[in-house]
N, C-alpha and C. Protein backbone atom coordinates (compact mmCIF):
# COMPACT_ATOMS: atom_id res chain seq x y z
N UNK A 1 -0.11 10.36 18.79
CA UNK A 1 0.78 9.56 19.96
C UNK A 1 0.19 8.07 20.16
N UNK A 2 1.06 7.15 20.27
CA UNK A 2 0.78 5.56 20.20
C UNK A 2 0.07 5.42 21.58
N UNK A 3 -0.99 4.41 21.26
CA UNK A 3 -1.53 3.76 22.35
C UNK A 3 -0.83 2.67 23.19
N UNK A 4 -0.43 3.27 24.33
CA UNK A 4 0.52 2.26 25.38
C UNK A 4 -0.24 0.83 25.30
N UNK A 5 -1.15 0.81 25.50
CA UNK A 5 -1.97 -0.53 25.79
C UNK A 5 -2.09 -1.42 24.54
N UNK A 6 -2.25 -0.56 23.11
CA UNK A 6 -2.26 -1.40 22.01
C UNK A 6 -0.95 -1.85 21.84
N UNK A 7 0.16 -1.05 22.16
CA UNK A 7 1.73 -1.42 21.96
C UNK A 7 1.92 -2.67 22.75
N UNK A 8 1.61 -2.57 23.88
CA UNK A 8 1.48 -3.90 24.95
C UNK A 8 1.28 -5.18 24.30
N UNK A 9 -0.20 -5.27 23.79
CA UNK A 9 -0.67 -5.88 23.62
C UNK A 9 -0.19 -6.59 22.23
N UNK A 10 0.18 -5.66 21.22
CA UNK A 10 0.92 -6.25 20.06
C UNK A 10 2.29 -6.80 20.52
N UNK A 11 2.90 -6.26 21.05
CA UNK A 11 4.21 -7.19 21.55
C UNK A 11 4.08 -8.25 22.21
N UNK A 12 3.14 -8.63 23.15
CA UNK A 12 2.63 -9.74 23.72
C UNK A 12 2.27 -10.74 22.79
N UNK A 13 1.57 -10.57 21.50
CA UNK A 13 1.20 -11.43 20.58
C UNK A 13 2.40 -11.83 19.75
N UNK A 14 3.30 -10.79 19.64
CA UNK A 14 4.57 -11.01 18.99
C UNK A 14 5.51 -12.16 19.70
N UNK A 15 5.29 -11.90 20.92
CA UNK A 15 6.19 -12.85 21.82
C UNK A 15 5.62 -14.38 21.82
N UNK A 16 4.34 -14.20 21.78
CA UNK A 16 3.48 -15.79 21.94
C UNK A 16 3.77 -16.63 20.32
N UNK A 17 3.97 -15.40 19.26
CA UNK A 17 4.11 -16.27 17.95
C UNK A 17 5.37 -16.72 17.68
N UNK A 18 6.65 -16.29 18.43
CA UNK A 18 7.84 -16.80 18.85
C UNK A 18 7.85 -17.91 19.55
N UNK A 19 7.22 -17.78 20.82
CA UNK A 19 7.03 -18.85 21.64
C UNK A 19 6.22 -20.38 21.33
N UNK A 20 5.24 -20.14 20.30
CA UNK A 20 4.56 -21.32 19.78
C UNK A 20 4.94 -21.42 18.69
N UNK A 21 6.19 -20.87 18.47
CA UNK A 21 6.92 -21.56 16.98
C UNK A 21 7.43 -23.14 17.25
N UNK A 22 6.96 -23.73 16.20
CA UNK A 22 7.20 -25.23 16.01
C UNK A 22 8.29 -25.56 15.27
N UNK A 23 7.96 -26.85 14.74
CA UNK A 23 8.96 -27.36 13.87
C UNK A 23 9.21 -26.31 12.41
N UNK A 24 10.40 -26.02 11.94
CA UNK A 24 10.43 -25.78 10.62
C UNK A 24 9.96 -26.67 9.67
N UNK A 25 9.38 -25.93 8.45
CA UNK A 25 8.89 -26.83 7.45
C UNK A 25 9.74 -26.55 6.03
N UNK A 26 10.24 -27.57 5.41
CA UNK A 26 10.87 -27.19 4.06
C UNK A 26 9.64 -27.61 3.05
N UNK A 27 9.59 -26.79 2.04
CA UNK A 27 9.07 -26.82 0.71
C UNK A 27 9.94 -26.52 -0.30
N UNK A 28 9.26 -26.56 -1.42
CA UNK A 28 10.09 -26.38 -2.63
C UNK A 28 10.36 -24.75 -2.76
N UNK A 29 9.19 -24.29 -1.96
CA UNK A 29 9.46 -22.50 -2.14
C UNK A 29 10.32 -22.14 -1.00
N UNK A 30 10.90 -23.14 -0.20
CA UNK A 30 11.87 -22.27 0.91
C UNK A 30 11.54 -23.16 2.35
N UNK A 31 12.01 -22.42 3.23
CA UNK A 31 11.89 -22.90 4.68
C UNK A 31 11.13 -21.97 5.29
N UNK A 32 10.12 -22.83 6.17
CA UNK A 32 9.19 -21.47 6.92
C UNK A 32 9.13 -22.11 8.22
N UNK A 33 8.54 -21.44 9.00
CA UNK A 33 8.59 -21.70 10.57
C UNK A 33 7.09 -21.77 10.90
N UNK A 34 6.79 -22.92 11.56
CA UNK A 34 5.38 -22.97 11.67
C UNK A 34 4.99 -22.45 13.42
N UNK A 35 3.88 -21.95 13.33
CA UNK A 35 3.54 -21.24 14.59
C UNK A 35 2.03 -21.29 14.83
N UNK A 36 1.67 -21.21 16.03
CA UNK A 36 0.26 -21.40 16.22
C UNK A 36 -0.58 -20.27 15.34
N UNK A 37 -1.74 -20.79 14.71
CA UNK A 37 -2.50 -19.79 13.50
C UNK A 37 -3.29 -18.92 14.38
N UNK A 38 -3.78 -19.23 15.29
CA UNK A 38 -4.80 -18.04 16.44
C UNK A 38 -3.97 -17.29 16.93
N UNK A 39 -2.83 -17.45 17.15
CA UNK A 39 -1.96 -16.27 17.77
C UNK A 39 -1.30 -15.37 16.52
N UNK A 40 -1.00 -16.17 15.32
CA UNK A 40 -0.51 -14.92 14.38
C UNK A 40 -1.61 -14.34 13.86
N UNK A 41 -2.94 -14.63 14.00
CA UNK A 41 -3.75 -13.84 13.49
C UNK A 41 -4.14 -12.74 14.30
N UNK A 42 -4.23 -13.09 15.81
CA UNK A 42 -4.08 -12.61 16.74
C UNK A 42 -2.98 -11.31 16.66
N UNK A 43 -1.72 -11.46 16.14
CA UNK A 43 -0.73 -10.50 16.06
C UNK A 43 -1.03 -9.49 14.78
N UNK A 44 -1.71 -10.23 13.87
CA UNK A 44 -2.09 -9.11 12.75
C UNK A 44 -2.92 -8.51 13.20
N UNK A 45 -4.12 -8.73 13.83
CA UNK A 45 -5.22 -7.93 14.15
C UNK A 45 -4.64 -6.83 15.19
N UNK A 46 -3.68 -7.21 16.40
CA UNK A 46 -3.10 -6.43 17.22
C UNK A 46 -2.43 -5.23 16.38
N UNK A 47 -1.73 -5.60 15.29
CA UNK A 47 -0.89 -4.56 14.50
C UNK A 47 -1.77 -3.60 13.77
N UNK A 48 -2.79 -4.38 12.83
CA UNK A 48 -3.68 -3.54 12.48
C UNK A 48 -4.23 -2.20 13.66
N UNK A 49 -4.69 -2.67 14.51
CA UNK A 49 -5.44 -1.98 15.60
C UNK A 49 -4.62 -0.90 15.92
N UNK A 50 -3.29 -1.27 16.27
CA UNK A 50 -2.09 -0.27 16.58
C UNK A 50 -1.69 0.62 15.91
N UNK A 51 -1.88 0.27 14.58
CA UNK A 51 -1.35 0.89 13.46
C UNK A 51 -2.30 1.77 12.60
N UNK A 52 -3.69 1.52 12.99
CA UNK A 52 -4.98 2.15 12.48
C UNK A 52 -4.86 1.78 10.79
N UNK A 53 -4.72 0.36 10.61
CA UNK A 53 -4.50 0.27 9.06
C UNK A 53 -5.73 0.37 8.40
N UNK A 54 -6.08 0.72 7.03
CA UNK A 54 -7.25 0.79 6.40
C UNK A 54 -8.07 -0.68 6.43
N UNK A 55 -7.29 -1.68 6.03
CA UNK A 55 -7.65 -2.96 6.10
C UNK A 55 -7.31 -3.77 7.35
N UNK A 56 -7.83 -5.00 7.18
CA UNK A 56 -7.63 -5.78 8.29
C UNK A 56 -6.39 -6.92 7.89
N UNK A 57 -5.62 -6.55 6.86
CA UNK A 57 -4.31 -7.48 6.72
C UNK A 57 -3.29 -6.55 6.81
N UNK A 58 -1.99 -6.83 7.38
CA UNK A 58 -0.85 -5.90 7.60
C UNK A 58 -0.19 -6.05 6.54
N UNK A 59 -0.04 -4.92 5.87
CA UNK A 59 0.92 -4.96 4.84
C UNK A 59 2.13 -3.73 4.94
N UNK A 60 3.37 -4.05 4.52
CA UNK A 60 4.48 -3.53 4.89
C UNK A 60 4.22 -2.06 4.05
N UNK A 61 3.82 -2.23 2.87
CA UNK A 61 3.55 -0.96 2.01
C UNK A 61 2.80 0.07 2.80
N UNK A 62 1.64 -0.64 3.53
CA UNK A 62 0.66 0.53 3.93
C UNK A 62 1.59 1.11 5.26
N UNK A 63 2.12 0.17 6.06
CA UNK A 63 2.28 0.55 7.67
C UNK A 63 4.06 1.04 7.52
N UNK A 64 4.53 1.02 6.28
CA UNK A 64 5.97 1.63 6.53
C UNK A 64 6.00 2.87 6.78
N UNK A 65 5.45 3.66 6.33
CA UNK A 65 5.41 5.31 6.51
C UNK A 65 4.65 5.33 8.03
N UNK A 66 3.93 4.72 8.42
CA UNK A 66 3.70 4.87 9.75
C UNK A 66 4.69 4.67 10.77
N UNK A 67 5.15 3.45 10.58
CA UNK A 67 6.55 2.95 11.44
C UNK A 67 7.53 4.20 11.17
N UNK A 68 7.87 4.58 10.32
CA UNK A 68 8.99 5.62 10.02
C UNK A 68 9.08 6.70 10.92
N UNK A 69 7.50 7.36 10.97
CA UNK A 69 6.94 8.18 11.71
C UNK A 69 7.03 8.40 13.27
N UNK A 70 7.02 6.94 13.89
CA UNK A 70 7.16 6.83 15.18
C UNK A 70 8.27 7.39 15.90
């Protein structure tokens, strides 16, 4: 069973990433959205905590199975 408080925290951090979105950045590699670095790090930490990942970096390869089983 997923911890509701961890889920709430991850959702709050996801909303802040969107809320703090600044101007878009265009580079030779494509277009990117700028957001507050501390907030996106907090989101990654919250997702790792919520999904109980083996590392402190979120990887779709690692979490896809976990997400599919929710």
